[in-house]
N, C-alpha and C. Protein backbone atom coordinates (compact mmCIF):
# COMPACT_ATOMS: atom_id res chain seq x y z
N MET A 1 0.84 -1.18 0.00
CA MET A 1 0.00 0.00 0.00
C MET A 1 0.88 1.23 0.00
N GLY A 2 0.31 2.38 -0.39
CA GLY A 2 1.06 3.60 -0.41
C GLY A 2 1.91 3.75 -1.66
N GLU A 3 1.80 2.79 -2.59
CA GLU A 3 2.57 2.87 -3.82
C GLU A 3 1.81 3.73 -4.82
N THR A 4 2.52 4.70 -5.38
CA THR A 4 1.93 5.60 -6.36
C THR A 4 2.47 5.26 -7.73
N PRO A 5 1.60 4.98 -8.70
CA PRO A 5 2.11 4.72 -10.04
C PRO A 5 2.68 6.00 -10.65
N ARG A 6 3.86 5.88 -11.28
CA ARG A 6 4.52 7.02 -11.90
C ARG A 6 4.92 6.65 -13.33
N CYS A 7 5.04 7.65 -14.16
CA CYS A 7 5.47 7.47 -15.54
C CYS A 7 6.96 7.11 -15.56
N ARG A 8 7.31 6.04 -16.22
CA ARG A 8 8.70 5.62 -16.34
C ARG A 8 9.49 6.61 -17.21
N LEU A 9 8.81 7.31 -18.10
CA LEU A 9 9.48 8.22 -19.03
C LEU A 9 9.86 9.56 -18.40
N CYS A 10 8.96 10.12 -17.56
CA CYS A 10 9.23 11.45 -17.01
C CYS A 10 9.11 11.53 -15.49
N GLY A 11 8.58 10.50 -14.84
CA GLY A 11 8.48 10.49 -13.38
C GLY A 11 7.23 11.14 -12.82
N SER A 12 6.34 11.62 -13.66
CA SER A 12 5.11 12.26 -13.18
C SER A 12 4.16 11.25 -12.55
N ASP A 13 3.39 11.70 -11.56
CA ASP A 13 2.34 10.86 -10.98
C ASP A 13 1.28 10.61 -12.04
N LEU A 14 0.76 9.38 -12.06
CA LEU A 14 -0.29 9.05 -13.00
C LEU A 14 -1.65 9.27 -12.39
N THR A 15 -2.58 9.69 -13.22
CA THR A 15 -3.98 9.77 -12.83
C THR A 15 -4.57 8.39 -13.04
N THR A 16 -5.24 7.89 -12.03
CA THR A 16 -5.89 6.59 -12.16
C THR A 16 -7.37 6.77 -11.87
N GLY A 17 -8.15 5.81 -12.23
CA GLY A 17 -9.59 5.89 -12.00
C GLY A 17 -10.32 5.45 -13.24
N LEU A 18 -11.20 6.27 -13.74
CA LEU A 18 -12.05 5.91 -14.87
C LEU A 18 -11.22 5.50 -16.08
N VAL A 19 -10.15 6.23 -16.37
CA VAL A 19 -9.32 5.90 -17.53
C VAL A 19 -8.49 4.65 -17.28
N ALA A 20 -8.06 4.46 -16.06
CA ALA A 20 -7.19 3.33 -15.72
C ALA A 20 -8.03 2.13 -15.31
N THR A 21 -8.46 1.40 -16.28
CA THR A 21 -9.26 0.21 -16.03
C THR A 21 -8.59 -0.97 -16.70
N GLY A 22 -9.20 -2.09 -16.61
CA GLY A 22 -8.69 -3.26 -17.31
C GLY A 22 -9.04 -3.22 -18.78
N ARG A 23 -9.69 -2.17 -19.20
CA ARG A 23 -10.13 -2.03 -20.58
C ARG A 23 -8.97 -1.87 -21.54
N ARG A 24 -9.10 -2.41 -22.72
CA ARG A 24 -8.08 -2.26 -23.75
C ARG A 24 -8.43 -1.06 -24.62
N VAL A 25 -7.42 -0.53 -25.29
CA VAL A 25 -7.62 0.69 -26.06
C VAL A 25 -7.93 0.43 -27.52
N GLY A 26 -8.38 -0.64 -27.90
CA GLY A 26 -8.73 -0.88 -29.30
C GLY A 26 -8.83 -2.37 -29.53
N CYS A 27 -9.44 -2.74 -30.59
CA CYS A 27 -9.66 -4.15 -30.83
C CYS A 27 -8.35 -4.90 -31.09
N CYS A 28 -7.33 -4.21 -31.59
CA CYS A 28 -6.06 -4.88 -31.90
C CYS A 28 -5.02 -4.67 -30.82
N ASN A 29 -5.33 -3.91 -29.80
CA ASN A 29 -4.35 -3.60 -28.77
C ASN A 29 -4.73 -4.31 -27.48
N ALA A 30 -3.89 -5.24 -27.05
CA ALA A 30 -4.19 -6.03 -25.85
C ALA A 30 -3.58 -5.44 -24.59
N THR A 31 -3.05 -4.22 -24.66
CA THR A 31 -2.41 -3.60 -23.51
C THR A 31 -3.42 -2.87 -22.64
N PRO A 32 -3.55 -3.24 -21.36
CA PRO A 32 -4.46 -2.51 -20.47
C PRO A 32 -3.87 -1.14 -20.10
N ILE A 33 -4.71 -0.17 -19.84
CA ILE A 33 -4.28 1.16 -19.42
C ILE A 33 -4.15 1.16 -17.90
N VAL A 34 -2.96 1.50 -17.40
CA VAL A 34 -2.71 1.53 -15.96
C VAL A 34 -3.04 2.91 -15.39
N GLY A 35 -2.72 3.95 -16.13
CA GLY A 35 -2.96 5.31 -15.69
C GLY A 35 -2.65 6.28 -16.81
N THR A 36 -2.87 7.57 -16.52
CA THR A 36 -2.65 8.60 -17.53
C THR A 36 -1.62 9.59 -17.02
N CYS A 37 -0.57 9.78 -17.81
CA CYS A 37 0.48 10.76 -17.52
C CYS A 37 0.06 12.10 -18.10
N PRO A 38 0.28 13.21 -17.38
CA PRO A 38 -0.09 14.52 -17.93
C PRO A 38 0.74 14.88 -19.16
N GLU A 39 1.92 14.31 -19.30
CA GLU A 39 2.81 14.61 -20.43
C GLU A 39 2.65 13.61 -21.58
N HIS A 40 2.48 12.31 -21.26
CA HIS A 40 2.51 11.27 -22.28
C HIS A 40 1.17 10.59 -22.55
N GLY A 41 0.13 10.95 -21.80
CA GLY A 41 -1.18 10.37 -22.04
C GLY A 41 -1.34 9.00 -21.40
N PRO A 42 -2.28 8.18 -21.90
CA PRO A 42 -2.54 6.85 -21.32
C PRO A 42 -1.32 5.95 -21.44
N LEU A 43 -1.01 5.23 -20.36
CA LEU A 43 0.16 4.36 -20.33
C LEU A 43 -0.20 2.94 -19.95
N GLY A 44 0.46 2.00 -20.59
CA GLY A 44 0.34 0.59 -20.24
C GLY A 44 1.34 0.24 -19.15
N PRO A 45 1.31 -1.00 -18.68
CA PRO A 45 2.16 -1.41 -17.56
C PRO A 45 3.66 -1.32 -17.87
N HIS A 46 4.05 -1.38 -19.13
CA HIS A 46 5.47 -1.31 -19.49
C HIS A 46 6.05 0.10 -19.34
N HIS A 47 5.21 1.11 -19.14
CA HIS A 47 5.68 2.48 -18.96
C HIS A 47 5.39 3.02 -17.56
N VAL A 48 5.11 2.11 -16.62
CA VAL A 48 4.73 2.51 -15.27
C VAL A 48 5.71 1.93 -14.25
N VAL A 49 6.09 2.75 -13.28
CA VAL A 49 6.89 2.27 -12.15
C VAL A 49 6.12 2.61 -10.88
N GLU A 50 6.26 1.78 -9.88
CA GLU A 50 5.61 2.02 -8.59
C GLU A 50 6.61 2.73 -7.66
N SER A 51 6.17 3.79 -7.02
CA SER A 51 7.02 4.47 -6.04
C SER A 51 6.26 4.62 -4.75
N GLU A 52 7.01 4.76 -3.66
CA GLU A 52 6.36 4.89 -2.35
C GLU A 52 6.45 6.30 -1.86
């Protein structure tokens, strides 16, 4: 607990909630959205790091 998802590219805190669901972003894209970076937009798990 207390882990905040952050963007691996810039280190910004990600917005989670309605956008960050198990939903996929298109019929051909199997990557779930973990959160949204203010700089880079929606991010999958490969662009997210957990920080405390």
